[in-house]
Amino acid sequence: MSSATPARRIAAVKPITVPAPGRGTDLLVKVTAPLTGHDLPVIVFSHGNAWSLDGYGPLADRWAAAGFVVVQPTHLDSRRNGIGWDDPRFPTIWRVRIADLHAVLDHLGGILADAGLETRADRARVAVAGHSWGAQTAGTLLGARVLDADGAPGEDFSHPAVTAGALVAPAGTGDSLTPFAAEHLPFSRPDFSAMTTPALVVAGGRDDSPLSTRGPDWITDAYHLSPSPKRLLTIPEGEHTLGGVAGEAVAETTDEDPARVALVADAVAAYLLDVFGLDSAPWAALADGGGDAWSVVGK
């Protein structure tokens, strides 16, 4: 599945500092974009736990080659900041992550100007995407809430600039968290009932998360429990890193497969091109061509 990725030269600009008062550490982003083209849609990407703006090159580069501007912040949980599970700041990092994405979107004009893209990006077509914890973070900007200790939905973190999203291996509901997850990640209790923004959910059929007792179907909650319109791409042989989306030969990749990574990247690009009304052909080809390697459903 590669028709969503025309051959374009790309370039990256980093670091760009984004105003984020009270954060304690500068909010830095990397911007990757094609060297040519105008009216380029934007993807703001939230990394998984411990990563940074330098991770997920296989996704960011392929999206840029497909004609997107990709903005990647480094969240506080990046291993570069040395904030571990037992750090007193850790319980509130989930909120800082969300604030990071809001800051990027609120200052998107300045970020694009710093990257020399202010006249080439289409700020009317903006998506948020993320992997793992980043998918949970991105989901809140699509309308998902975080349940409090009493099971009541928390505040609305959706952002008006966001018109679509892509959640790669997102956490499911919190009713089946393992004891470790319940202790260290009590905020991993999403409620998808108000996640109304169009989104693609990408799930691996072998993604047996150590955070849940339910198995791989836990990853599909964001699709099944959210309102339409949503689409679900399932990759039966995919594990949590789906072939290595964070980078080549990284330690946590247990199912290294460059073709699987390309599938994930191309599927997100194809989905966004479709929902943004730019090109429906790549998504149609994906939906019709999976066979045993992947499947697509929608609602």
Protein backbone atom coordinates (compact mmCIF):
# COMPACT_ATOMS: atom_id res chain seq x y z
CA MET A 1 0.00 0.00 0.00
CA SER A 2 2.11 2.92 -1.24
CA SER A 3 -0.07 4.97 -3.58
CA ALA A 4 -0.60 7.59 -0.85
CA THR A 5 3.10 8.42 -0.88
CA PRO A 6 4.32 10.17 -4.01
CA ALA A 7 8.07 10.65 -4.31
CA ARG A 8 8.87 14.10 -2.91
CA ARG A 9 12.01 15.48 -1.34
CA ILE A 10 11.50 16.56 2.26
CA ALA A 11 13.29 18.67 4.86
CA ALA A 12 13.07 19.07 8.63
CA VAL A 13 13.57 22.11 10.84
CA LYS A 14 14.39 21.69 14.54
CA PRO A 15 14.25 22.76 17.24
CA ILE A 16 11.55 25.41 17.21
CA THR A 17 10.55 26.74 20.63
CA VAL A 18 6.83 27.11 21.30
CA PRO A 19 5.55 29.46 24.01
CA ALA A 20 4.40 27.38 26.99
CA PRO A 21 4.44 29.50 30.18
CA GLY A 22 4.74 27.60 33.45
CA ARG A 23 5.86 24.35 31.84
CA GLY A 24 9.29 24.43 33.48
CA THR A 25 11.04 23.07 30.39
CA ASP A 26 10.98 24.59 26.93
CA LEU A 27 8.45 23.07 24.56
CA LEU A 28 10.43 22.14 21.44
CA VAL A 29 9.07 20.88 18.14
CA LYS A 30 10.39 19.54 14.87
CA VAL A 31 8.67 20.36 11.58
CA THR A 32 9.03 18.06 8.58
CA ALA A 33 7.57 19.00 5.19
CA PRO A 34 8.00 18.51 1.44
CA LEU A 35 10.28 20.96 -0.30
CA THR A 36 7.60 21.75 -2.88
CA GLY A 37 3.85 22.23 -2.93
CA HIS A 38 1.24 24.52 -1.43
CA ASP A 39 -1.96 24.06 0.55
CA LEU A 40 -0.24 21.32 2.56
CA PRO A 41 -2.41 19.81 5.32
CA VAL A 42 -0.91 19.59 8.81
CA ILE A 43 -0.42 16.65 11.18
CA VAL A 44 0.46 17.38 14.82
CA PHE A 45 1.93 14.15 16.21
CA SER A 46 2.17 13.06 19.86
CA HIS A 47 4.88 10.51 20.60
CA GLY A 48 4.65 7.46 22.86
CA ASN A 49 6.07 7.31 26.38
CA ALA A 50 9.73 8.37 26.70
CA TRP A 51 10.21 9.39 23.05
CA SER A 52 10.93 12.84 21.62
CA LEU A 53 10.68 14.97 18.50
CA ASP A 54 13.48 12.84 17.03
CA GLY A 55 11.45 9.63 17.15
CA TYR A 56 8.93 8.24 14.68
CA GLY A 57 10.96 9.24 11.64
CA PRO A 58 9.45 6.43 9.54
CA LEU A 59 6.02 7.99 9.99
CA ALA A 60 6.93 11.68 9.85
CA ASP A 61 9.14 11.32 6.78
CA ARG A 62 6.59 9.27 4.88
CA TRP A 63 3.78 11.69 5.73
CA ALA A 64 5.87 14.63 4.58
CA ALA A 65 6.66 12.80 1.36
CA ALA A 66 2.90 12.36 0.89
CA GLY A 67 2.40 16.12 1.10
CA PHE A 68 1.83 16.86 4.79
CA VAL A 69 3.46 19.27 7.20
CA VAL A 70 4.29 17.22 10.32
CA VAL A 71 4.81 18.94 13.69
CA GLN A 72 6.32 16.81 16.48
CA PRO A 73 6.65 18.13 20.04
CA THR A 74 8.81 16.60 22.77
CA HIS A 75 6.62 15.91 25.81
CA LEU A 76 7.84 16.05 29.42
CA ASP A 77 7.89 12.25 29.73
CA SER A 78 10.68 12.07 27.15
CA ARG A 79 13.64 10.14 28.53
CA ARG A 80 15.63 13.30 27.80
CA ASN A 81 13.94 14.92 30.81
CA GLY A 82 14.57 12.06 33.23
CA ILE A 83 11.07 12.01 34.73
CA GLY A 84 10.35 8.42 35.79
CA TRP A 85 7.28 6.64 37.15
CA ASP A 86 8.03 7.70 40.73
CA ASP A 87 8.76 11.35 39.99
CA PRO A 88 6.19 13.60 41.75
CA ARG A 89 5.56 15.34 38.41
CA PHE A 90 4.61 12.15 36.62
CA PRO A 91 0.93 11.95 37.73
CA THR A 92 0.17 15.26 36.00
CA ILE A 93 2.23 14.74 32.83
CA TRP A 94 -0.87 13.55 30.98
CA ARG A 95 -2.27 17.07 31.39
CA VAL A 96 0.99 18.67 30.28
CA ARG A 97 0.95 16.47 27.19
CA ILE A 98 -2.49 17.78 26.27
CA ALA A 99 -1.38 21.34 27.00
CA ASP A 100 1.61 20.79 24.69
CA LEU A 101 -0.68 19.96 21.77
CA HIS A 102 -2.89 22.95 22.55
CA ALA A 103 0.16 25.20 22.64
CA VAL A 104 1.31 23.88 19.27
CA LEU A 105 -2.10 24.47 17.73
CA ASP A 106 -2.51 27.90 19.33
CA HIS A 107 0.89 28.97 17.99
CA LEU A 108 0.78 27.07 14.73
CA GLY A 109 1.15 30.24 12.67
CA GLY A 110 4.41 31.13 14.37
CA ILE A 111 5.71 27.57 14.11
CA LEU A 112 5.00 27.48 10.38
CA ALA A 113 6.63 30.88 9.93
CA ASP A 114 9.77 29.71 11.75
CA ALA A 115 9.89 26.72 9.44
CA GLY A 116 9.40 28.88 6.34
CA LEU A 117 5.99 27.34 5.63
CA GLU A 118 3.58 30.13 6.50
CA THR A 119 2.39 30.52 2.89
CA ARG A 120 2.45 26.82 2.00
CA ALA A 121 0.47 25.12 4.78
CA ASP A 122 -3.31 24.75 4.86
CA ARG A 123 -4.37 25.68 8.37
CA ALA A 124 -7.97 24.73 7.59
CA ARG A 125 -6.92 21.08 7.34
CA VAL A 126 -5.28 20.12 10.63
CA ALA A 127 -5.17 16.64 12.17
CA VAL A 128 -3.79 15.28 15.41
CA ALA A 129 -2.20 11.84 15.55
CA GLY A 130 -0.34 9.79 18.11
CA HIS A 131 0.99 6.38 19.04
CA SER A 132 0.33 4.58 22.33
CA TRP A 133 0.25 7.22 25.10
CA GLY A 134 0.44 9.76 22.30
CA ALA A 135 -2.75 8.30 20.84
CA GLN A 136 -4.52 8.80 24.17
CA THR A 137 -3.21 12.37 24.25
CA ALA A 138 -4.34 13.08 20.69
CA GLY A 139 -7.71 11.49 21.41
CA THR A 140 -8.54 14.12 24.01
CA LEU A 141 -8.26 16.81 21.34
CA LEU A 142 -10.79 14.81 19.30
CA GLY A 143 -13.23 14.88 22.21
CA ALA A 144 -12.32 11.90 24.40
CA ARG A 145 -12.49 12.57 28.14
CA VAL A 146 -10.55 11.11 31.08
CA LEU A 147 -12.71 9.51 33.77
CA ASP A 148 -12.08 10.58 37.35
CA ALA A 149 -11.84 8.26 40.35
CA ASP A 150 -15.64 8.17 40.60
CA GLY A 151 -16.08 7.30 36.93
CA ALA A 152 -17.30 10.73 35.87
CA PRO A 153 -15.96 12.22 32.60
CA GLY A 154 -13.44 15.00 33.13
CA GLU A 155 -13.07 18.25 31.26
CA ASP A 156 -13.33 18.72 27.52
CA PHE A 157 -9.89 19.18 25.93
CA SER A 158 -11.05 19.22 22.28
CA HIS A 159 -9.54 21.90 20.06
CA PRO A 160 -11.49 23.78 17.37
CA ALA A 161 -8.57 23.75 14.91
CA VAL A 162 -8.58 19.95 14.74
CA THR A 163 -10.82 18.46 12.06
CA ALA A 164 -9.58 14.84 11.95
CA GLY A 165 -7.31 12.43 13.79
CA ALA A 166 -5.41 9.15 13.68
CA LEU A 167 -4.91 7.03 16.79
CA VAL A 168 -2.26 4.33 16.45
CA ALA A 169 -2.45 1.64 19.17
CA PRO A 170 -4.50 3.75 21.61
CA ALA A 171 -5.21 2.60 25.16
CA GLY A 172 -8.70 1.26 25.78
CA THR A 173 -11.05 1.82 28.69
CA GLY A 174 -9.80 1.62 32.26
CA ASP A 175 -12.07 -1.15 33.55
CA SER A 176 -9.43 -3.81 32.85
CA LEU A 177 -6.17 -2.13 33.88
CA THR A 178 -3.54 -4.33 35.45
CA PRO A 179 -2.56 -3.52 39.06
CA PHE A 180 0.63 -1.81 37.82
CA ALA A 181 -1.30 0.36 35.36
CA ALA A 182 -3.97 1.21 37.91
CA GLU A 183 -1.26 2.37 40.34
CA HIS A 184 1.02 4.26 37.96
CA LEU A 185 -1.38 5.31 35.18
CA PRO A 186 -4.71 6.08 36.87
CA PHE A 187 -5.35 8.66 34.14
CA SER A 188 -5.46 5.83 31.56
CA ARG A 189 -9.24 5.70 31.82
CA PRO A 190 -10.56 7.24 28.62
CA ASP A 191 -14.21 7.80 27.85
CA PHE A 192 -14.82 7.83 24.10
CA SER A 193 -18.53 8.66 24.10
CA ALA A 194 -17.91 12.33 23.21
CA MET A 195 -15.07 11.72 20.72
CA THR A 196 -17.08 13.01 17.77
CA THR A 197 -14.27 14.23 15.48
CA PRO A 198 -13.61 11.91 12.50
CA ALA A 199 -10.71 9.57 13.21
CA LEU A 200 -8.87 6.48 12.08
CA VAL A 201 -7.95 3.90 14.72
CA VAL A 202 -5.05 1.56 13.92
CA ALA A 203 -4.83 -1.66 15.92
CA GLY A 204 -2.50 -4.66 15.90
CA GLY A 205 -4.07 -8.10 16.24
CA ARG A 206 -1.14 -9.20 18.45
CA ASP A 207 -0.99 -6.05 20.58
CA ASP A 208 -1.39 -7.76 23.95
CA SER A 209 -0.77 -4.75 26.17
CA PRO A 210 0.81 -5.31 29.60
CA LEU A 211 -1.45 -2.51 30.87
CA SER A 212 -4.68 -4.43 30.33
CA THR A 213 -6.05 -7.87 31.12
CA ARG A 214 -8.29 -7.94 28.03
CA GLY A 215 -5.87 -8.64 25.20
CA PRO A 216 -5.64 -7.00 21.77
CA ASP A 217 -9.33 -6.07 21.52
CA TRP A 218 -8.64 -3.43 24.23
CA ILE A 219 -6.87 -1.37 21.58
CA THR A 220 -10.05 -1.16 19.48
CA ASP A 221 -12.18 0.55 22.16
CA ALA A 222 -11.52 3.98 20.63
CA TYR A 223 -13.31 2.78 17.50
CA HIS A 224 -16.13 0.71 19.00
CA LEU A 225 -17.05 3.08 21.84
CA SER A 226 -16.89 6.41 19.99
CA PRO A 227 -19.55 8.03 17.81
CA SER A 228 -19.42 7.98 14.02
CA PRO A 229 -17.66 8.78 11.77
CA LYS A 230 -14.76 6.46 12.56
CA ARG A 231 -12.69 3.88 10.70
CA LEU A 232 -10.67 0.97 12.04
CA LEU A 233 -7.60 -0.53 10.40
CA THR A 234 -6.64 -3.88 11.93
CA ILE A 235 -3.27 -5.46 11.15
CA PRO A 236 -3.56 -9.07 12.38
CA GLU A 237 0.18 -9.71 12.81
CA GLY A 238 0.95 -6.29 14.28
CA GLU A 239 2.18 -5.86 17.85
CA HIS A 240 2.27 -2.62 19.83
CA THR A 241 4.96 -0.93 17.74
CA LEU A 242 3.37 -2.16 14.50
CA GLY A 243 6.64 -3.12 12.86
CA GLY A 244 8.72 -0.33 14.43
CA VAL A 245 6.86 2.96 13.93
CA ALA A 246 9.18 4.79 16.34
CA GLY A 247 12.30 3.99 14.30
CA GLU A 248 14.48 1.25 12.93
CA ALA A 249 15.85 -1.36 15.34
CA VAL A 250 14.59 0.40 18.49
CA ALA A 251 14.69 -1.69 21.66
CA GLU A 252 10.94 -1.97 22.25
CA THR A 253 10.14 -3.20 18.73
CA THR A 254 9.24 -6.90 18.93
CA ASP A 255 7.77 -7.29 15.43
CA GLU A 256 10.24 -5.43 13.23
CA ASP A 257 8.78 -5.13 9.73
CA PRO A 258 9.46 -2.07 7.53
CA ALA A 259 6.56 -2.99 5.24
CA ARG A 260 4.18 -2.91 8.21
CA VAL A 261 5.47 0.52 9.22
CA ALA A 262 4.96 1.76 5.66
CA LEU A 263 1.41 0.39 5.75
CA VAL A 264 0.61 2.32 8.93
CA ALA A 265 2.10 5.54 7.56
CA ASP A 266 0.40 5.22 4.19
CA ALA A 267 -2.95 4.31 5.76
CA VAL A 268 -2.94 7.44 7.93
CA ALA A 269 -1.97 9.59 4.95
CA ALA A 270 -4.63 7.98 2.76
CA TYR A 271 -7.30 8.42 5.43
CA LEU A 272 -6.51 12.09 5.95
CA LEU A 273 -6.37 12.81 2.22
CA ASP A 274 -9.82 11.27 1.99
CA VAL A 275 -11.49 13.00 4.95
CA PHE A 276 -9.90 16.31 3.99
CA GLY A 277 -11.49 15.98 0.56
CA LEU A 278 -8.16 16.02 -1.29
CA ASP A 279 -7.88 12.53 -2.81
CA SER A 280 -10.09 9.50 -2.18
CA ALA A 281 -8.20 7.04 -4.40
CA PRO A 282 -5.45 5.95 -1.93
CA TRP A 283 -7.98 5.12 0.78
CA ALA A 284 -10.21 3.24 -1.66
CA ALA A 285 -7.20 1.17 -2.72
CA LEU A 286 -6.31 0.44 0.91
CA ALA A 287 -9.85 -0.55 1.86
CA ASP A 288 -10.11 -2.95 -1.09
CA GLY A 289 -6.65 -4.49 -1.01
CA GLY A 290 -5.90 -5.87 2.44
CA GLY A 291 -6.52 -9.57 2.05
CA ASP A 292 -5.04 -11.38 5.07
CA ALA A 293 -2.53 -8.60 5.78
CA TRP A 294 -5.02 -6.00 7.03
CA SER A 295 -8.71 -5.23 7.22
CA VAL A 296 -10.74 -2.02 7.26
CA VAL A 297 -14.18 -1.31 8.71
CA GLY A 298 -16.04 1.94 9.15
CA LYS A 299 -19.07 3.50 10.73
